[in-house]
C-alpha atoms as a PDB file:
ATOM      1  CA  MET A   1       0.316   0.014   0.124  1.00  0.00           C
ATOM      2  CA  LYS A   2       1.354   3.691  -0.772  1.00  0.00           C
ATOM      3  CA  GLU A   3       1.671   6.134   1.913  1.00  0.00           C
ATOM      4  CA  ILE A   4       0.861   9.439   1.515  1.00  0.00           C
ATOM      5  CA  THR A   5       1.671  12.445   3.812  1.00  0.00           C
ATOM      6  CA  ASP A   6      -0.627  14.596   6.065  1.00  0.00           C
ATOM      7  CA  ALA A   7      -0.831  17.370   3.097  1.00  0.00           C
ATOM      8  CA  GLU A   8      -1.512  14.852   0.924  1.00  0.00           C
ATOM      9  CA  TYR A   9      -4.104  13.424   2.386  1.00  0.00           C
ATOM     10  CA  GLU A  10      -5.993  16.790   3.372  1.00  0.00           C
ATOM     11  CA  LEU A  11      -5.842  17.770  -0.343  1.00  0.00           C
ATOM     12  CA  PHE A  12      -7.574  14.041  -1.109  1.00  0.00           C
ATOM     13  CA  GLN A  13     -10.320  15.081   1.123  1.00  0.00           C
ATOM     14  CA  GLN A  14     -10.990  18.476  -0.522  1.00  0.00           C
ATOM     15  CA  LEU A  15     -11.141  17.279  -3.583  1.00  0.00           C
ATOM     16  CA  GLN A  16     -13.360  13.793  -2.490  1.00  0.00           C
ATOM     17  CA  THR A  17     -15.739  17.023  -1.284  1.00  0.00           C
ATOM     18  CA  ILE A  18     -15.481  18.726  -4.431  1.00  0.00           C
ATOM     19  CA  TRP A  19     -16.796  15.821  -6.539  1.00  0.00           C
ATOM     20  CA  LYS A  20     -19.353  14.370  -4.096  1.00  0.00           C
ATOM     21  CA  HIS A  21     -21.258  18.271  -5.215  1.00  0.00           C
ATOM     22  CA  ALA A  22     -20.524  18.180  -8.106  1.00  0.00           C
ATOM     23  CA  VAL A  23     -21.927  15.211  -9.772  1.00  0.00           C
ATOM     24  CA  PRO A  24     -25.161  14.922  -7.621  1.00  0.00           C
ATOM     25  CA  GLU A  25     -26.388  12.641 -10.400  1.00  0.00           C
ATOM     26  CA  GLN A  26     -23.700   9.786  -8.754  1.00  0.00           C
ATOM     27  CA  SER A  27     -23.070  10.833  -5.831  1.00  0.00           C
ATOM     28  CA  GLY A  28     -26.686  11.960  -4.390  1.00  0.00           C
ATOM     29  CA  HIS A  29     -25.093  15.167  -2.143  1.00  0.00           C
ATOM     30  CA  TYR A  30     -27.036  18.426  -2.664  1.00  0.00           C
ATOM     31  CA  PHE A  31     -25.657  20.846  -5.015  1.00  0.00           C
ATOM     32  CA  ILE A  32     -26.158  24.971  -5.755  1.00  0.00           C
ATOM     33  CA  CYS A  33     -28.825  24.773  -8.435  1.00  0.00           C
ATOM     34  CA  GLY A  34     -29.137  28.818  -8.970  1.00  0.00           C
ATOM     35  CA  SER A  35     -28.031  31.915  -7.088  1.00  0.00           C
ATOM     36  CA  GLY A  36     -29.785  35.503  -7.306  1.00  0.00           C
ATOM     37  CA  GLY A  37     -29.440  39.233  -5.966  1.00  0.00           C
ATOM     38  CA  GLU A  38     -26.658  41.177  -5.438  1.00  0.00           C
ATOM     39  CA  LYS A  39     -22.919  40.205  -5.355  1.00  0.00           C
ATOM     40  CA  ASP A  40     -20.495  41.671  -2.689  1.00  0.00           C
ATOM     41  CA  GLU A  41     -17.265  42.844  -3.191  1.00  0.00           C
ATOM     42  CA  ARG A  42     -15.897  39.117  -3.657  1.00  0.00           C
ATOM     43  CA  GLY A  43     -18.674  38.252  -6.270  1.00  0.00           C
ATOM     44  CA  LEU A  44     -20.442  36.749  -3.942  1.00  0.00           C
ATOM     45  CA  PRO A  45     -24.532  36.244  -4.539  1.00  0.00           C
ATOM     46  CA  GLU A  46     -26.862  37.777  -2.019  1.00  0.00           C
ATOM     47  CA  THR A  47     -28.731  34.381  -1.957  1.00  0.00           C
ATOM     48  CA  ILE A  48     -28.262  30.612  -3.286  1.00  0.00           C
ATOM     49  CA  LEU A  49     -30.392  28.156  -4.712  1.00  0.00           C
ATOM     50  CA  ILE A  50     -29.938  24.551  -3.331  1.00  0.00           C
ATOM     51  CA  CYS A  51     -31.673  21.551  -4.065  1.00  0.00           C
ATOM     52  CA  PRO A  52     -31.173  18.396  -1.806  1.00  0.00           C
ATOM     53  CA  ALA A  53     -30.765  15.489  -4.662  1.00  0.00           C
ATOM     54  CA  ALA A  54     -30.365  15.478  -8.477  1.00  0.00           C
ATOM     55  CA  GLY A  55     -33.985  15.023 -10.169  1.00  0.00           C
ATOM     56  CA  LEU A  56     -36.422  16.102  -6.699  1.00  0.00           C
ATOM     57  CA  ASN A  57     -38.207  19.323  -8.020  1.00  0.00           C
ATOM     58  CA  GLU A  58     -37.567  21.495  -4.769  1.00  0.00           C
ATOM     59  CA  PHE A  59     -34.778  23.680  -3.661  1.00  0.00           C
ATOM     60  CA  LYS A  60     -34.367  25.751  -0.291  1.00  0.00           C
ATOM     61  CA  ILE A  61     -32.909  29.176  -0.408  1.00  0.00           C
ATOM     62  CA  TYR A  62     -30.298  30.703   1.525  1.00  0.00           C
ATOM     63  CA  LYS A  63     -29.175  34.468   2.390  1.00  0.00           C
ATOM     64  CA  ARG A  64     -26.159  35.939   3.079  1.00  0.00           C
ATOM     65  CA  VAL A  65     -26.231  37.665   6.201  1.00  0.00           C
ATOM     66  CA  GLU A  66     -23.229  40.421   6.842  1.00  0.00           C
END
């Protein structure tokens, strides 16, 4: 078995999370399905829409708080 460093393992964990949310039809995880409102100085929208799983006809709206 190949050994990896702690930094490599941390990167693997991050990539695994990215993959889960990038391909919800395969992973079954939630994903951002839209956005709205004014963007702040960092380019983040006022609201984002989250779908709990691919194929569902529902979403929740999360609003930015300062």
